[in-house]
Protein backbone atom coordinates (compact mmCIF):
# COMPACT_ATOMS: atom_id res chain seq x y z
CA MET A 1 61.90 -35.49 25.86
CA PRO A 2 61.21 -39.19 25.36
CA GLN A 3 58.97 -40.55 27.31
CA ASP A 4 59.62 -43.26 30.57
CA SER A 5 58.07 -46.76 29.47
CA ALA A 6 58.91 -48.25 32.88
CA PRO A 7 55.70 -50.22 34.30
CA VAL A 8 53.86 -48.27 36.84
CA PRO A 9 52.12 -49.99 39.91
CA GLY A 10 49.05 -50.44 40.01
CA VAL A 11 48.11 -49.77 36.08
CA ASP A 12 47.63 -52.96 33.98
CA ARG A 13 48.04 -51.64 30.74
CA PRO A 14 46.48 -54.20 27.55
CA ASN A 15 48.98 -55.36 25.19
CA ILE A 16 48.48 -54.54 21.84
CA THR A 17 49.62 -56.70 19.20
CA VAL A 18 49.16 -56.28 15.72
CA LEU A 19 46.68 -59.34 15.69
CA ASP A 20 44.36 -56.59 17.68
CA ILE A 21 44.72 -53.48 15.03
CA VAL A 22 43.50 -56.08 12.30
CA ARG A 23 40.65 -57.08 14.05
CA ALA A 24 39.76 -53.22 14.49
CA PHE A 25 40.73 -52.81 11.38
CA VAL A 26 38.02 -55.48 10.67
CA LEU A 27 35.51 -54.58 12.65
CA VAL A 28 35.52 -50.81 11.37
CA ALA A 29 35.90 -52.39 7.27
CA ALA A 30 32.17 -54.27 8.45
CA VAL A 31 30.19 -51.83 9.39
CA ALA A 32 31.70 -48.90 7.21
CA THR A 33 30.59 -52.18 4.80
CA LEU A 34 26.96 -52.24 6.47
CA ALA A 35 26.53 -48.75 6.30
CA LEU A 36 27.45 -48.58 2.49
CA TRP A 37 25.77 -51.35 1.41
CA GLY A 38 22.49 -50.04 3.47
CA PHE A 39 22.23 -46.48 1.88
CA ALA A 40 23.36 -47.64 -1.45
CA THR A 41 21.32 -50.50 -2.38
CA TRP A 42 18.22 -50.03 -1.42
CA PRO A 43 15.17 -47.61 -2.12
CA LEU A 44 15.05 -44.36 -0.22
CA PRO A 45 13.17 -45.63 2.94
CA TRP A 46 14.40 -48.58 3.27
CA ASN A 47 18.30 -47.52 2.80
CA VAL A 48 18.14 -45.06 5.82
CA ILE A 49 16.63 -47.86 7.67
CA LEU A 50 19.68 -50.36 7.08
CA GLY A 51 22.31 -48.19 6.32
CA ILE A 52 21.50 -46.86 9.97
CA GLY A 53 20.32 -50.50 11.10
CA ALA A 54 22.60 -52.91 9.93
CA PRO A 55 25.47 -51.27 11.62
CA VAL A 56 24.06 -50.65 14.28
CA LEU A 57 22.78 -54.13 15.26
CA VAL A 58 27.06 -55.13 14.14
CA LEU A 59 28.06 -52.96 16.88
CA LEU A 60 25.23 -54.28 19.28
CA VAL A 61 26.49 -57.71 19.36
CA TRP A 62 29.92 -56.92 18.64
CA ALA A 63 29.25 -55.11 22.35
CA LEU A 64 27.35 -58.01 23.34
CA PHE A 65 29.37 -60.53 22.50
CA LEU A 66 32.30 -60.53 21.42
CA SER A 67 34.33 -56.62 22.97
CA PRO A 68 37.29 -57.51 25.00
CA ARG A 69 35.12 -56.96 27.95
CA PRO A 70 31.69 -58.67 26.64
CA VAL A 71 28.50 -58.61 28.23
CA LEU A 72 27.53 -61.57 27.85
CA ARG A 73 30.51 -64.21 28.49
CA LEU A 74 30.03 -66.93 25.59
CA HIS A 75 31.72 -70.51 24.98
CA PRO A 76 34.43 -69.95 22.92
CA PHE A 77 33.28 -71.67 19.98
CA LEU A 78 29.24 -69.76 20.08
CA ARG A 79 31.93 -67.09 20.33
CA ALA A 80 33.26 -67.77 17.48
CA ALA A 81 30.13 -68.87 15.33
CA VAL A 82 29.24 -65.18 16.47
CA GLU A 83 31.60 -63.60 15.07
CA LEU A 84 31.62 -65.60 12.09
CA LEU A 85 28.08 -64.44 11.62
CA ILE A 86 29.26 -61.12 11.03
CA TYR A 87 31.50 -62.22 8.54
CA VAL A 88 29.05 -63.94 6.06
CA GLY A 89 26.97 -60.98 6.44
CA VAL A 90 29.23 -58.56 5.56
CA THR A 91 30.97 -60.60 2.91
CA ILE A 92 27.03 -61.17 1.33
CA ALA A 93 26.52 -57.60 1.69
CA TRP A 94 29.67 -56.81 -0.74
CA TRP A 95 28.13 -59.48 -3.30
CA LEU A 96 25.37 -58.05 -3.52
CA MET A 97 27.17 -54.63 -4.16
CA ASP A 98 28.28 -56.72 -7.18
CA GLN A 99 32.05 -56.62 -5.39
CA PRO A 100 32.54 -60.69 -5.13
CA VAL A 101 36.44 -59.79 -5.15
CA VAL A 102 36.49 -57.01 -2.06
CA GLY A 103 33.92 -59.68 -0.32
CA ILE A 104 35.80 -62.57 -0.81
CA ALA A 105 39.31 -60.60 0.04
CA PHE A 106 37.60 -59.43 3.38
CA ALA A 107 36.45 -62.61 4.33
CA VAL A 108 39.83 -64.38 4.02
CA VAL A 109 41.29 -61.33 6.56
CA ALA A 110 38.36 -61.76 8.53
CA VAL A 111 37.95 -65.49 9.40
CA GLY A 112 42.20 -65.57 9.31
CA ALA A 113 42.13 -62.72 11.98
CA GLY A 114 39.55 -64.79 13.42
CA VAL A 115 40.97 -68.21 13.88
CA ILE A 116 44.68 -67.34 14.85
CA SER A 117 43.44 -64.57 17.49
CA GLY A 118 40.83 -67.96 18.81
CA ARG A 119 43.73 -70.24 19.03
CA ARG A 120 45.19 -67.63 21.02
CA ALA A 121 42.67 -67.42 23.19
CA LEU A 122 42.37 -71.24 23.44
CA GLY A 123 45.91 -72.38 23.62
């Protein structure tokens, strides 16, 4: 039995695009990368702290400034700078794990999705 997709009065559903899905995957990849970096590259007391702390810090920054409903609204250029700092950190983490190709691939996809999303938000 097919579901009726007619709009319901009073219900505002967001339009999810392919770009939104790519950006969600980029965020999940960033959090997973920082957890892997923390647990894999540091000795015992630091690996637990950084393996848990780095992803939590990124999620906190994302929730405060970059989420669809941020706690603190920033100017679009500051928002892009915060997002870029997260991407740079993840790219450096891949380089520190001796995986520069993966780091460059992540940077290209993340920055590309960020630029396209930023241009859509401005225009």
